[in-house]
PDB file of all heavy atoms in Angstrom:
ATOM      1  N   ALA A   1    -128.556 -39.623   7.905  1.00  0.00           N
ATOM      2  CA  ALA A   1    -129.975 -39.882   8.139  1.00  0.00           C
ATOM      3  C   ALA A   1    -130.291 -39.745   9.619  1.00  0.00           C
ATOM      4  O   ALA A   1    -129.476 -40.111  10.471  1.00  0.00           O
ATOM      5  CB  ALA A   1    -130.335 -41.282   7.649  1.00  0.00           C
ATOM      6  N   PRO A   2    -131.468 -39.214   9.960  1.00  0.00           N
ATOM      7  CA  PRO A   2    -131.838 -39.087  11.374  1.00  0.00           C
ATOM      8  C   PRO A   2    -131.830 -40.442  12.068  1.00  0.00           C
ATOM      9  O   PRO A   2    -132.200 -41.458  11.494  1.00  0.00           O
ATOM     10  CB  PRO A   2    -133.251 -38.500  11.315  1.00  0.00           C
ATOM     11  CG  PRO A   2    -133.347 -37.851   9.980  1.00  0.00           C
ATOM     12  CD  PRO A   2    -132.505 -38.670   9.064  1.00  0.00           C
ATOM     13  N   PHE A   3    -131.406 -40.458  13.314  1.00  0.00           N
ATOM     14  CA  PHE A   3    -131.369 -41.689  14.100  1.00  0.00           C
ATOM     15  C   PHE A   3    -132.799 -42.148  14.377  1.00  0.00           C
ATOM     16  O   PHE A   3    -133.646 -41.358  14.780  1.00  0.00           O
ATOM     17  CB  PHE A   3    -130.628 -41.438  15.411  1.00  0.00           C
ATOM     18  CG  PHE A   3    -130.320 -42.691  16.185  1.00  0.00           C
ATOM     19  CD1 PHE A   3    -129.116 -43.348  15.998  1.00  0.00           C
ATOM     20  CD2 PHE A   3    -131.234 -43.222  17.077  1.00  0.00           C
ATOM     21  CE1 PHE A   3    -128.820 -44.511  16.705  1.00  0.00           C
ATOM     22  CE2 PHE A   3    -130.951 -44.386  17.778  1.00  0.00           C
ATOM     23  CZ  PHE A   3    -129.745 -45.031  17.593  1.00  0.00           C
ATOM     24  N   GLN A   4    -133.048 -43.426  14.160  1.00  0.00           N
ATOM     25  CA  GLN A   4    -134.379 -43.980  14.413  1.00  0.00           C
ATOM     26  C   GLN A   4    -134.411 -44.558  15.827  1.00  0.00           C
ATOM     27  O   GLN A   4    -133.837 -45.614  16.098  1.00  0.00           O
ATOM     28  CB  GLN A   4    -134.706 -45.062  13.377  1.00  0.00           C
ATOM     29  CG  GLN A   4    -134.780 -44.537  11.952  1.00  0.00           C
ATOM     30  CD  GLN A   4    -135.858 -43.478  11.789  1.00  0.00           C
ATOM     31  OE1 GLN A   4    -136.995 -43.669  12.208  1.00  0.00           O
ATOM     32  NE2 GLN A   4    -135.500 -42.361  11.168  1.00  0.00           N
ATOM     33  N   HIS A   5    -135.088 -43.864  16.727  1.00  0.00           N
ATOM     34  CA  HIS A   5    -135.105 -44.270  18.122  1.00  0.00           C
ATOM     35  C   HIS A   5    -136.120 -45.376  18.368  1.00  0.00           C
ATOM     36  O   HIS A   5    -137.262 -45.316  17.900  1.00  0.00           O
ATOM     37  CB  HIS A   5    -135.437 -43.071  19.014  1.00  0.00           C
ATOM     38  CG  HIS A   5    -134.307 -42.088  19.141  1.00  0.00           C
ATOM     39  ND1 HIS A   5    -133.283 -42.249  20.040  1.00  0.00           N
ATOM     40  CD2 HIS A   5    -134.046 -40.945  18.462  1.00  0.00           C
ATOM     41  CE1 HIS A   5    -132.442 -41.235  19.915  1.00  0.00           C
ATOM     42  NE2 HIS A   5    -132.873 -40.444  18.974  1.00  0.00           N
ATOM     43  N   GLU A   6    -135.694 -46.368  19.130  1.00  0.00           N
ATOM     44  CA  GLU A   6    -136.606 -47.416  19.554  1.00  0.00           C
ATOM     45  C   GLU A   6    -137.592 -46.832  20.559  1.00  0.00           C
ATOM     46  O   GLU A   6    -137.209 -46.088  21.459  1.00  0.00           O
ATOM     47  CB  GLU A   6    -135.810 -48.549  20.205  1.00  0.00           C
ATOM     48  CG  GLU A   6    -136.663 -49.700  20.705  1.00  0.00           C
ATOM     49  CD  GLU A   6    -135.822 -50.768  21.384  1.00  0.00           C
ATOM     50  OE1 GLU A   6    -134.578 -50.675  21.297  1.00  0.00           O
ATOM     51  OE2 GLU A   6    -136.414 -51.678  21.998  1.00  0.00           O
ATOM     52  N   HIS A   7    -138.880 -47.153  20.395  1.00  0.00           N
ATOM     53  CA  HIS A   7    -139.889 -46.648  21.320  1.00  0.00           C
ATOM     54  C   HIS A   7    -139.714 -47.316  22.687  1.00  0.00           C
ATOM     55  O   HIS A   7    -139.367 -48.486  22.791  1.00  0.00           O
ATOM     56  CB  HIS A   7    -141.288 -46.904  20.774  1.00  0.00           C
ATOM     57  CG  HIS A   7    -141.631 -46.020  19.620  1.00  0.00           C
ATOM     58  ND1 HIS A   7    -142.921 -45.637  19.337  1.00  0.00           N
ATOM     59  CD2 HIS A   7    -140.857 -45.408  18.684  1.00  0.00           C
ATOM     60  CE1 HIS A   7    -142.929 -44.844  18.266  1.00  0.00           C
ATOM     61  NE2 HIS A   7    -141.679 -44.707  17.861  1.00  0.00           N
ATOM     62  N   ASN A   8    -139.970 -46.535  23.739  1.00  0.00           N
ATOM     63  CA  ASN A   8    -139.698 -47.011  25.086  1.00  0.00           C
ATOM     64  C   ASN A   8    -140.592 -46.261  26.060  1.00  0.00           C
ATOM     65  O   ASN A   8    -140.908 -45.090  25.856  1.00  0.00           O
ATOM     66  CB  ASN A   8    -138.219 -46.760  25.405  1.00  0.00           C
ATOM     67  CG  ASN A   8    -137.767 -47.417  26.685  1.00  0.00           C
ATOM     68  OD1 ASN A   8    -138.177 -47.024  27.763  1.00  0.00           O
ATOM     69  ND2 ASN A   8    -136.911 -48.423  26.556  1.00  0.00           N
ATOM     70  N   TRP A   9    -140.975 -46.913  27.164  1.00  0.00           N
ATOM     71  CA  TRP A   9    -141.913 -46.293  28.115  1.00  0.00           C
ATOM     72  C   TRP A   9    -141.355 -45.022  28.726  1.00  0.00           C
ATOM     73  O   TRP A   9    -142.094 -44.063  28.943  1.00  0.00           O
ATOM     74  CB  TRP A   9    -142.305 -47.290  29.200  1.00  0.00           C
ATOM     75  CG  TRP A   9    -141.203 -47.760  30.123  1.00  0.00           C
ATOM     76  CD1 TRP A   9    -140.453 -48.889  29.979  1.00  0.00           C
ATOM     77  CD2 TRP A   9    -140.753 -47.131  31.326  1.00  0.00           C
ATOM     78  NE1 TRP A   9    -139.549 -49.002  31.016  1.00  0.00           N
ATOM     79  CE2 TRP A   9    -139.713 -47.939  31.867  1.00  0.00           C
ATOM     80  CE3 TRP A   9    -141.115 -45.968  32.017  1.00  0.00           C
ATOM     81  CZ2 TRP A   9    -139.038 -47.620  33.035  1.00  0.00           C
ATOM     82  CZ3 TRP A   9    -140.445 -45.639  33.195  1.00  0.00           C
ATOM     83  CH2 TRP A   9    -139.423 -46.464  33.696  1.00  0.00           C
ATOM     84  N   TRP A  10    -140.065 -44.982  29.016  1.00  0.00           N
ATOM     85  CA  TRP A  10    -139.524 -43.790  29.654  1.00  0.00           C
ATOM     86  C   TRP A  10    -139.229 -42.673  28.666  1.00  0.00           C
ATOM     87  O   TRP A  10    -139.051 -41.524  29.066  1.00  0.00           O
ATOM     88  CB  TRP A  10    -138.289 -44.115  30.495  1.00  0.00           C
ATOM     89  CG  TRP A  10    -137.183 -44.861  29.806  1.00  0.00           C
ATOM     90  CD1 TRP A  10    -136.946 -46.207  29.855  1.00  0.00           C
ATOM     91  CD2 TRP A  10    -136.160 -44.304  28.982  1.00  0.00           C
ATOM     92  NE1 TRP A  10    -135.834 -46.518  29.106  1.00  0.00           N
ATOM     93  CE2 TRP A  10    -135.321 -45.370  28.572  1.00  0.00           C
ATOM     94  CE3 TRP A  10    -135.845 -43.013  28.561  1.00  0.00           C
ATOM     95  CZ2 TRP A  10    -134.209 -45.194  27.748  1.00  0.00           C
ATOM     96  CZ3 TRP A  10    -134.740 -42.817  27.741  1.00  0.00           C
ATOM     97  CH2 TRP A  10    -133.940 -43.891  27.347  1.00  0.00           C
ATOM     98  N   LYS A  11    -139.194 -42.988  27.387  1.00  0.00           N
ATOM     99  CA  LYS A  11    -139.051 -41.936  26.381  1.00  0.00           C
ATOM    100  C   LYS A  11    -140.394 -41.239  26.154  1.00  0.00           C
ATOM    101  O   LYS A  11    -140.450 -40.011  26.023  1.00  0.00           O
ATOM    102  CB  LYS A  11    -138.533 -42.519  25.069  1.00  0.00           C
ATOM    103  CG  LYS A  11    -137.102 -43.030  25.132  1.00  0.00           C
ATOM    104  CD  LYS A  11    -136.667 -43.644  23.812  1.00  0.00           C
ATOM    105  CE  LYS A  11    -135.231 -44.175  23.891  1.00  0.00           C
ATOM    106  NZ  LYS A  11    -134.817 -44.831  22.642  1.00  0.00           N
ATOM    107  N   GLU A  12    -141.452 -42.019  26.124  1.00  0.00           N
ATOM    108  CA  GLU A  12    -142.781 -41.471  25.849  1.00  0.00           C
ATOM    109  C   GLU A  12    -143.465 -40.933  27.097  1.00  0.00           C
ATOM    110  O   GLU A  12    -144.394 -40.147  27.010  1.00  0.00           O
ATOM    111  CB  GLU A  12    -143.659 -42.565  25.224  1.00  0.00           C
ATOM    112  CG  GLU A  12    -143.103 -43.113  23.930  1.00  0.00           C
ATOM    113  CD  GLU A  12    -143.866 -44.325  23.428  1.00  0.00           C
ATOM    114  OE1 GLU A  12    -144.952 -44.614  23.985  1.00  0.00           O
ATOM    115  OE2 GLU A  12    -143.379 -44.990  22.498  1.00  0.00           O
ATOM    116  N   GLY A  13    -143.014 -41.372  28.251  1.00  0.00           N
ATOM    117  CA  GLY A  13    -143.684 -41.000  29.487  1.00  0.00           C
ATOM    118  C   GLY A  13    -143.482 -39.550  29.865  1.00  0.00           C
ATOM    119  O   GLY A  13    -142.417 -38.967  29.652  1.00  0.00           O
ATOM    120  N   VAL A  14    -144.524 -38.953  30.438  1.00  0.00           N
ATOM    121  CA  VAL A  14    -144.444 -37.605  30.993  1.00  0.00           C
ATOM    122  C   VAL A  14    -144.157 -37.743  32.483  1.00  0.00           C
ATOM    123  O   VAL A  14    -144.892 -38.427  33.202  1.00  0.00           O
ATOM    124  CB  VAL A  14    -145.746 -36.822  30.768  1.00  0.00           C
ATOM    125  CG1 VAL A  14    -145.660 -35.444  31.425  1.00  0.00           C
ATOM    126  CG2 VAL A  14    -146.036 -36.688  29.278  1.00  0.00           C
ATOM    127  N   VAL A  15    -143.097 -37.094  32.945  1.00  0.00           N
ATOM    128  CA  VAL A  15    -142.653 -37.210  34.332  1.00  0.00           C
ATOM    129  C   VAL A  15    -143.146 -36.003  35.119  1.00  0.00           C
ATOM    130  O   VAL A  15    -143.052 -34.855  34.650  1.00  0.00           O
ATOM    131  CB  VAL A  15    -141.115 -37.279  34.416  1.00  0.00           C
ATOM    132  CG1 VAL A  15    -140.663 -37.506  35.864  1.00  0.00           C
ATOM    133  CG2 VAL A  15    -140.563 -38.370  33.512  1.00  0.00           C
ATOM    134  N   TYR A  16    -143.635 -36.243  36.323  1.00  0.00           N
ATOM    135  CA  TYR A  16    -144.084 -35.173  37.213  1.00  0.00           C
ATOM    136  C   TYR A  16    -143.236 -35.227  38.470  1.00  0.00           C
ATOM    137  O   TYR A  16    -143.232 -36.234  39.197  1.00  0.00           O
ATOM    138  CB  TYR A  16    -145.553 -35.350  37.560  1.00  0.00           C
ATOM    139  CG  TYR A  16    -146.195 -34.213  38.334  1.00  0.00           C
ATOM    140  CD1 TYR A  16    -146.896 -33.211  37.666  1.00  0.00           C
ATOM    141  CD2 TYR A  16    -146.122 -34.153  39.719  1.00  0.00           C
ATOM    142  CE1 TYR A  16    -147.516 -32.173  38.365  1.00  0.00           C
ATOM    143  CE2 TYR A  16    -146.726 -33.121  40.427  1.00  0.00           C
ATOM    144  CZ  TYR A  16    -147.418 -32.133  39.750  1.00  0.00           C
ATOM    145  OH  TYR A  16    -148.031 -31.110  40.449  1.00  0.00           O
ATOM    146  N   GLN A  17    -142.503 -34.153  38.742  1.00  0.00           N
ATOM    147  CA  GLN A  17    -141.656 -34.111  39.926  1.00  0.00           C
ATOM    148  C   GLN A  17    -142.418 -33.589  41.132  1.00  0.00           C
ATOM    149  O   GLN A  17    -143.044 -32.530  41.083  1.00  0.00           O
ATOM    150  CB  GLN A  17    -140.423 -33.228  39.714  1.00  0.00           C
ATOM    151  CG  GLN A  17    -139.504 -33.234  40.936  1.00  0.00           C
ATOM    152  CD  GLN A  17    -138.400 -32.208  40.886  1.00  0.00           C
ATOM    153  OE1 GLN A  17    -138.238 -31.480  39.893  1.00  0.00           O
ATOM    154  NE2 GLN A  17    -137.617 -32.107  41.952  1.00  0.00           N
ATOM    155  N   ILE A  18    -142.310 -34.328  42.229  1.00  0.00           N
ATOM    156  CA  ILE A  18    -142.919 -33.937  43.499  1.00  0.00           C
ATOM    157  C   ILE A  18    -141.825 -33.601  44.507  1.00  0.00           C
ATOM    158  O   ILE A  18    -140.893 -34.385  44.703  1.00  0.00           O
ATOM    159  CB  ILE A  18    -143.806 -35.068  44.058  1.00  0.00           C
ATOM    160  CG1 ILE A  18    -145.058 -35.236  43.186  1.00  0.00           C
ATOM    161  CG2 ILE A  18    -144.207 -34.801  45.510  1.00  0.00           C
ATOM    162  CD1 ILE A  18    -145.923 -36.416  43.582  1.00  0.00           C
ATOM    163  N   TYR A  19    -141.940 -32.439  45.127  1.00  0.00           N
ATOM    164  CA  TYR A  19    -141.066 -32.044  46.232  1.00  0.00           C
ATOM    165  C   TYR A  19    -141.859 -32.314  47.498  1.00  0.00           C
ATOM    166  O   TYR A  19    -142.728 -31.527  47.882  1.00  0.00           O
ATOM    167  CB  TYR A  19    -140.725 -30.561  46.083  1.00  0.00           C
ATOM    168  CG  TYR A  19    -139.539 -30.091  46.886  1.00  0.00           C
ATOM    169  CD1 TYR A  19    -138.246 -30.521  46.567  1.00  0.00           C
ATOM    170  CD2 TYR A  19    -139.692 -29.207  47.948  1.00  0.00           C
ATOM    171  CE1 TYR A  19    -137.151 -30.074  47.282  1.00  0.00           C
ATOM    172  CE2 TYR A  19    -138.604 -28.766  48.672  1.00  0.00           C
ATOM    173  CZ  TYR A  19    -137.337 -29.196  48.336  1.00  0.00           C
ATOM    174  OH  TYR A  19    -136.248 -28.760  49.050  1.00  0.00           O
ATOM    175  N   PRO A  20    -141.627 -33.452  48.161  1.00  0.00           N
ATOM    176  CA  PRO A  20    -142.559 -33.940  49.196  1.00  0.00           C
ATOM    177  C   PRO A  20    -142.890 -32.925  50.281  1.00  0.00           C
ATOM    178  O   PRO A  20    -144.041 -32.843  50.731  1.00  0.00           O
ATOM    179  CB  PRO A  20    -141.823 -35.153  49.783  1.00  0.00           C
ATOM    180  CG  PRO A  20    -140.862 -35.571  48.736  1.00  0.00           C
ATOM    181  CD  PRO A  20    -140.468 -34.330  48.008  1.00  0.00           C
ATOM    182  N   LYS A  21    -141.912 -32.167  50.708  1.00  0.00           N
ATOM    183  CA  LYS A  21    -142.112 -31.245  51.821  1.00  0.00           C
ATOM    184  C   LYS A  21    -143.149 -30.181  51.502  1.00  0.00           C
ATOM    185  O   LYS A  21    -143.780 -29.614  52.404  1.00  0.00           O
ATOM    186  CB  LYS A  21    -140.771 -30.600  52.182  1.00  0.00           C
ATOM    187  CG  LYS A  21    -140.704 -30.002  53.579  1.00  0.00           C
ATOM    188  CD  LYS A  21    -139.274 -29.566  53.898  1.00  0.00           C
ATOM    189  CE  LYS A  21    -139.175 -29.055  55.332  1.00  0.00           C
ATOM    190  NZ  LYS A  21    -137.790 -28.620  55.669  1.00  0.00           N
ATOM    191  N   SER A  22    -143.366 -29.930  50.211  1.00  0.00           N
ATOM    192  CA  SER A  22    -144.230 -28.820  49.798  1.00  0.00           C
ATOM    193  C   SER A  22    -145.418 -29.245  48.955  1.00  0.00           C
ATOM    194  O   SER A  22    -146.106 -28.395  48.399  1.00  0.00           O
ATOM    195  CB  SER A  22    -143.408 -27.793  49.013  1.00  0.00           C
ATOM    196  OG  SER A  22    -142.360 -27.270  49.791  1.00  0.00           O
ATOM    197  N   PHE A  23    -145.669 -30.544  48.829  1.00  0.00           N
ATOM    198  CA  PHE A  23    -146.727 -30.983  47.914  1.00  0.00           C
ATOM    199  C   PHE A  23    -148.093 -31.039  48.592  1.00  0.00           C
ATOM    200  O   PHE A  23    -149.013 -30.321  48.212  1.00  0.00           O
ATOM    201  CB  PHE A  23    -146.362 -32.344  47.322  1.00  0.00           C
ATOM    202  CG  PHE A  23    -147.270 -32.778  46.209  1.00  0.00           C
ATOM    203  CD1 PHE A  23    -147.349 -32.055  45.030  1.00  0.00           C
ATOM    204  CD2 PHE A  23    -148.032 -33.934  46.323  1.00  0.00           C
ATOM    205  CE1 PHE A  23    -148.180 -32.452  43.986  1.00  0.00           C
ATOM    206  CE2 PHE A  23    -148.867 -34.347  45.295  1.00  0.00           C
ATOM    207  CZ  PHE A  23    -148.944 -33.607  44.137  1.00  0.00           C
ATOM    208  N   LYS A  24    -148.252 -31.880  49.613  1.00  0.00           N
ATOM    209  CA  LYS A  24    -149.538 -31.986  50.300  1.00  0.00           C
ATOM    210  C   LYS A  24    -149.325 -32.541  51.709  1.00  0.00           C
ATOM    211  O   LYS A  24    -148.782 -33.628  51.888  1.00  0.00           O
ATOM    212  CB  LYS A  24    -150.499 -32.885  49.511  1.00  0.00           C
ATOM    213  CG  LYS A  24    -151.828 -33.146  50.209  1.00  0.00           C
ATOM    214  CD  LYS A  24    -152.624 -31.867  50.446  1.00  0.00           C
ATOM    215  CE  LYS A  24    -153.952 -32.177  51.129  1.00  0.00           C
ATOM    216  NZ  LYS A  24    -154.693 -30.940  51.494  1.00  0.00           N
ATOM    217  N   ASP A  25    -149.776 -31.777  52.701  1.00  0.00           N
ATOM    218  CA  ASP A  25    -149.683 -32.173  54.109  1.00  0.00           C
ATOM    219  C   ASP A  25    -150.971 -32.889  54.495  1.00  0.00           C
ATOM    220  O   ASP A  25    -152.057 -32.321  54.387  1.00  0.00           O
ATOM    221  CB  ASP A  25    -149.450 -30.924  54.959  1.00  0.00           C
ATOM    222  CG  ASP A  25    -149.587 -31.179  56.452  1.00  0.00           C
ATOM    223  OD1 ASP A  25    -149.402 -32.333  56.865  1.00  0.00           O
ATOM    224  OD2 ASP A  25    -149.877 -30.219  57.191  1.00  0.00           O
ATOM    225  N   SER A  26    -150.842 -34.123  54.982  1.00  0.00           N
ATOM    226  CA  SER A  26    -152.036 -34.901  55.320  1.00  0.00           C
ATOM    227  C   SER A  26    -152.380 -34.884  56.810  1.00  0.00           C
ATOM    228  O   SER A  26    -153.480 -35.293  57.190  1.00  0.00           O
ATOM    229  CB  SER A  26    -151.835 -36.365  54.885  1.00  0.00           C
ATOM    230  OG  SER A  26    -150.888 -37.014  55.715  1.00  0.00           O
ATOM    231  N   ASN A  27    -151.433 -34.433  57.655  1.00  0.00           N
ATOM    232  CA  ASN A  27    -151.672 -34.566  59.095  1.00  0.00           C
ATOM    233  C   ASN A  27    -151.594 -33.261  59.874  1.00  0.00           C
ATOM    234  O   ASN A  27    -151.572 -33.263  61.102  1.00  0.00           O
ATOM    235  CB  ASN A  27    -150.698 -35.585  59.693  1.00  0.00           C
ATOM    236  CG  ASN A  27    -149.238 -35.185  59.498  1.00  0.00           C
ATOM    237  OD1 ASN A  27    -148.947 -34.096  59.014  1.00  0.00           O
ATOM    238  ND2 ASN A  27    -148.335 -36.073  59.867  1.00  0.00           N
ATOM    239  N   GLY A  28    -151.549 -32.130  59.173  1.00  0.00           N
ATOM    240  CA  GLY A  28    -151.655 -30.841  59.837  1.00  0.00           C
ATOM    241  C   GLY A  28    -150.417 -30.348  60.551  1.00  0.00           C
ATOM    242  O   GLY A  28    -150.516 -29.474  61.419  1.00  0.00           O
ATOM    243  N   ASP A  29    -149.237 -30.848  60.196  1.00  0.00           N
ATOM    244  CA  ASP A  29    -148.020 -30.358  60.847  1.00  0.00           C
ATOM    245  C   ASP A  29    -147.283 -29.319  60.001  1.00  0.00           C
ATOM    246  O   ASP A  29    -146.192 -28.876  60.369  1.00  0.00           O
ATOM    247  CB  ASP A  29    -147.082 -31.510  61.212  1.00  0.00           C
ATOM    248  CG  ASP A  29    -146.569 -32.264  59.984  1.00  0.00           C
ATOM    249  OD1 ASP A  29    -146.978 -31.927  58.859  1.00  0.00           O
ATOM    250  OD2 ASP A  29    -145.757 -33.200  60.171  1.00  0.00           O
ATOM    251  N   GLY A  30    -147.862 -28.927  58.861  1.00  0.00           N
ATOM    252  CA  GLY A  30    -147.254 -27.902  58.019  1.00  0.00           C
ATOM    253  C   GLY A  30    -146.183 -28.413  57.089  1.00  0.00           C
ATOM    254  O   GLY A  30    -145.522 -27.629  56.398  1.00  0.00           O
ATOM    255  N   VAL A  31    -146.001 -29.738  57.054  1.00  0.00           N
ATOM    256  CA  VAL A  31    -144.987 -30.374  56.210  1.00  0.00           C
ATOM    257  C   VAL A  31    -145.669 -31.410  55.319  1.00  0.00           C
ATOM    258  O   VAL A  31    -146.422 -32.255  55.808  1.00  0.00           O
ATOM    259  CB  VAL A  31    -143.902 -31.058  57.069  1.00  0.00           C
ATOM    260  CG1 VAL A  31    -142.907 -31.812  56.182  1.00  0.00           C
ATOM    261  CG2 VAL A  31    -143.169 -30.035  57.929  1.00  0.00           C
ATOM    262  N   GLY A  32    -145.418 -31.340  54.026  1.00  0.00           N
ATOM    263  CA  GLY A  32    -145.962 -32.347  53.125  1.00  0.00           C
ATOM    264  C   GLY A  32    -145.462 -33.725  53.486  1.00  0.00           C
ATOM    265  O   GLY A  32    -144.422 -33.881  54.144  1.00  0.00           O
ATOM    266  N   ASP A  33    -146.150 -34.763  53.037  1.00  0.00           N
ATOM    267  CA  ASP A  33    -145.786 -36.121  53.447  1.00  0.00           C
ATOM    268  C   ASP A  33    -146.221 -37.136  52.396  1.00  0.00           C
ATOM    269  O   ASP A  33    -146.888 -36.804  51.407  1.00  0.00           O
ATOM    270  CB  ASP A  33    -146.394 -36.452  54.806  1.00  0.00           C
ATOM    271  CG  ASP A  33    -147.867 -36.078  54.921  1.00  0.00           C
ATOM    272  OD1 ASP A  33    -148.624 -36.391  53.982  1.00  0.00           O
ATOM    273  OD2 ASP A  33    -148.250 -35.456  55.933  1.00  0.00           O
ATOM    274  N   ILE A  34    -145.823 -38.387  52.616  1.00  0.00           N
ATOM    275  CA  ILE A  34    -146.118 -39.448  51.650  1.00  0.00           C
ATOM    276  C   ILE A  34    -147.617 -39.744  51.559  1.00  0.00           C
ATOM    277  O   ILE A  34    -148.149 -39.887  50.444  1.00  0.00           O
ATOM    278  CB  ILE A  34    -145.302 -40.709  51.984  1.00  0.00           C
ATOM    279  CG1 ILE A  34    -143.811 -40.419  51.816  1.00  0.00           C
ATOM    280  CG2 ILE A  34    -145.712 -41.868  51.082  1.00  0.00           C
ATOM    281  CD1 ILE A  34    -142.900 -41.550  52.264  1.00  0.00           C
ATOM    282  N   PRO A  35    -148.356 -39.837  52.671  1.00  0.00           N
ATOM    283  CA  PRO A  35    -149.809 -40.003  52.526  1.00  0.00           C
ATOM    284  C   PRO A  35    -150.444 -38.866  51.722  1.00  0.00           C
ATOM    285  O   PRO A  35    -151.413 -39.084  50.982  1.00  0.00           O
ATOM    286  CB  PRO A  35    -150.301 -40.021  53.969  1.00  0.00           C
ATOM    287  CG  PRO A  35    -149.153 -40.583  54.745  1.00  0.00           C
ATOM    288  CD  PRO A  35    -147.938 -39.978  54.086  1.00  0.00           C
ATOM    289  N   GLY A  36    -149.909 -37.655  51.852  1.00  0.00           N
ATOM    290  CA  GLY A  36    -150.411 -36.541  51.049  1.00  0.00           C
ATOM    291  C   GLY A  36    -150.189 -36.767  49.572  1.00  0.00           C
ATOM    292  O   GLY A  36    -151.049 -36.448  48.737  1.00  0.00           O
TER     293      GLY A  36
END
């Protein structure tokens, strides 16, 4: 029989990966950053 998985936030969640250096530059130095 198929395994019955317990529902969980990280199973249902959609994850978005951010590469900080290339996501959004907030201070004009050409490098993405945390405020971005």
